[in-house]
């Protein structure tokens, strides 16, 4: 990954993740790139450069792009 791409990526661990299909998952990591969800996966071990957020992140499919919402807003997750 190039340095300028790395600065646009964020990795956020959360206590609960709600998928676009409505699944409730516990202890997950969401990786964002340019404000869109690149991937999400179970939190199995501590990872470098990971932000730790309490509460729930909800994922929504918006026309083929998955967006993450925290406390009802996507602005926190850009």
C-alpha atoms as a PDB file:
ATOM      1  CA  UNK A   1       0.000   0.000   0.000  1.00  0.00           C
ATOM      2  CA  UNK A   2       1.348   3.420  -0.907  1.00  0.00           C
ATOM      3  CA  UNK A   3       1.797   5.981   1.837  1.00  0.00           C
ATOM      4  CA  UNK A   4      -0.924   8.313   0.511  1.00  0.00           C
ATOM      5  CA  UNK A   5      -3.377   5.383   0.356  1.00  0.00           C
ATOM      6  CA  UNK A   6      -2.500   4.404   3.909  1.00  0.00           C
ATOM      7  CA  UNK A   7      -3.374   7.860   5.232  1.00  0.00           C
ATOM      8  CA  UNK A   8      -6.870   7.543   3.747  1.00  0.00           C
ATOM      9  CA  UNK A   9      -7.526   4.189   5.477  1.00  0.00           C
ATOM     10  CA  UNK A  10      -8.973   3.838   8.960  1.00  0.00           C
ATOM     11  CA  UNK A  11      -9.372   0.738  11.087  1.00  0.00           C
ATOM     12  CA  UNK A  12     -12.017   0.952  13.808  1.00  0.00           C
ATOM     13  CA  UNK A  13     -12.820  -1.756  16.351  1.00  0.00           C
ATOM     14  CA  UNK A  14     -16.306  -1.702  17.862  1.00  0.00           C
ATOM     15  CA  UNK A  15     -18.275  -3.624  20.460  1.00  0.00           C
ATOM     16  CA  UNK A  16     -21.160  -4.325  18.098  1.00  0.00           C
ATOM     17  CA  UNK A  17     -21.509  -4.228  14.317  1.00  0.00           C
ATOM     18  CA  UNK A  18     -24.813  -4.379  12.455  1.00  0.00           C
ATOM     19  CA  UNK A  19     -24.414  -5.601   8.874  1.00  0.00           C
ATOM     20  CA  UNK A  20     -26.530  -4.376   5.940  1.00  0.00           C
ATOM     21  CA  UNK A  21     -28.465  -7.665   6.266  1.00  0.00           C
ATOM     22  CA  UNK A  22     -29.330  -6.846   9.894  1.00  0.00           C
ATOM     23  CA  UNK A  23     -26.950  -9.303  11.590  1.00  0.00           C
ATOM     24  CA  UNK A  24     -25.678  -8.201  15.009  1.00  0.00           C
ATOM     25  CA  UNK A  25     -22.007  -9.148  15.389  1.00  0.00           C
ATOM     26  CA  UNK A  26     -19.899  -8.730  18.523  1.00  0.00           C
ATOM     27  CA  UNK A  27     -16.336  -7.349  18.618  1.00  0.00           C
ATOM     28  CA  UNK A  28     -15.645  -6.498  14.993  1.00  0.00           C
ATOM     29  CA  UNK A  29     -13.196  -4.360  13.040  1.00  0.00           C
ATOM     30  CA  UNK A  30     -14.307  -2.105  10.180  1.00  0.00           C
ATOM     31  CA  UNK A  31     -11.739  -0.875   7.680  1.00  0.00           C
ATOM     32  CA  UNK A  32     -12.624   2.293   5.791  1.00  0.00           C
ATOM     33  CA  UNK A  33     -11.057   3.685   2.652  1.00  0.00           C
ATOM     34  CA  UNK A  34     -12.133   7.131   1.426  1.00  0.00           C
ATOM     35  CA  UNK A  35     -15.195   6.981   3.695  1.00  0.00           C
ATOM     36  CA  UNK A  36     -16.425   3.632   2.316  1.00  0.00           C
ATOM     37  CA  UNK A  37     -16.249   0.253   4.009  1.00  0.00           C
ATOM     38  CA  UNK A  38     -13.428  -1.753   2.451  1.00  0.00           C
ATOM     39  CA  UNK A  39     -13.907  -4.800   4.699  1.00  0.00           C
ATOM     40  CA  UNK A  40     -14.988  -5.931   8.147  1.00  0.00           C
ATOM     41  CA  UNK A  41     -13.930  -8.931  10.202  1.00  0.00           C
ATOM     42  CA  UNK A  42     -13.968 -10.335  13.753  1.00  0.00           C
ATOM     43  CA  UNK A  43     -11.589  -8.778  16.256  1.00  0.00           C
ATOM     44  CA  UNK A  44      -9.300 -11.647  17.231  1.00  0.00           C
ATOM     45  CA  UNK A  45      -6.232  -9.764  18.434  1.00  0.00           C
ATOM     46  CA  UNK A  46      -5.038  -6.232  18.970  1.00  0.00           C
ATOM     47  CA  UNK A  47      -3.819  -4.595  15.751  1.00  0.00           C
ATOM     48  CA  UNK A  48      -1.624  -1.526  15.226  1.00  0.00           C
ATOM     49  CA  UNK A  49      -3.253   1.767  14.195  1.00  0.00           C
ATOM     50  CA  UNK A  50      -6.718   0.624  15.284  1.00  0.00           C
ATOM     51  CA  UNK A  51      -9.162   3.082  16.829  1.00  0.00           C
ATOM     52  CA  UNK A  52     -11.272   1.620  19.616  1.00  0.00           C
ATOM     53  CA  UNK A  53     -14.875   2.842  19.759  1.00  0.00           C
ATOM     54  CA  UNK A  54     -17.488   1.789  22.269  1.00  0.00           C
ATOM     55  CA  UNK A  55     -20.998   1.237  21.048  1.00  0.00           C
ATOM     56  CA  UNK A  56     -22.424   0.150  17.730  1.00  0.00           C
ATOM     57  CA  UNK A  57     -21.444   0.759  14.127  1.00  0.00           C
ATOM     58  CA  UNK A  58     -24.164   0.122  11.539  1.00  0.00           C
ATOM     59  CA  UNK A  59     -23.363  -0.694   7.930  1.00  0.00           C
ATOM     60  CA  UNK A  60     -25.745   0.323   5.142  1.00  0.00           C
ATOM     61  CA  UNK A  61     -25.654  -0.510   1.460  1.00  0.00           C
ATOM     62  CA  UNK A  62     -26.086   2.741  -0.450  1.00  0.00           C
ATOM     63  CA  UNK A  63     -26.234   1.938  -4.144  1.00  0.00           C
ATOM     64  CA  UNK A  64     -23.504  -0.686  -4.037  1.00  0.00           C
ATOM     65  CA  UNK A  65     -21.267   1.246  -1.625  1.00  0.00           C
ATOM     66  CA  UNK A  66     -21.267   0.122   1.993  1.00  0.00           C
ATOM     67  CA  UNK A  67     -21.195   3.082   4.387  1.00  0.00           C
ATOM     68  CA  UNK A  68     -20.615   2.965   8.132  1.00  0.00           C
ATOM     69  CA  UNK A  69     -22.720   4.896  10.631  1.00  0.00           C
ATOM     70  CA  UNK A  70     -21.941   5.641  14.256  1.00  0.00           C
ATOM     71  CA  UNK A  71     -24.616   7.229  16.440  1.00  0.00           C
ATOM     72  CA  UNK A  72     -26.764   7.626  13.333  1.00  0.00           C
ATOM     73  CA  UNK A  73     -24.186   9.646  11.389  1.00  0.00           C
ATOM     74  CA  UNK A  74     -21.600   8.765   8.766  1.00  0.00           C
ATOM     75  CA  UNK A  75     -19.589  11.977   9.393  1.00  0.00           C
ATOM     76  CA  UNK A  76     -17.724  10.329  12.288  1.00  0.00           C
ATOM     77  CA  UNK A  77     -16.467   7.640   9.946  1.00  0.00           C
ATOM     78  CA  UNK A  78     -14.776   9.486   7.100  1.00  0.00           C
END
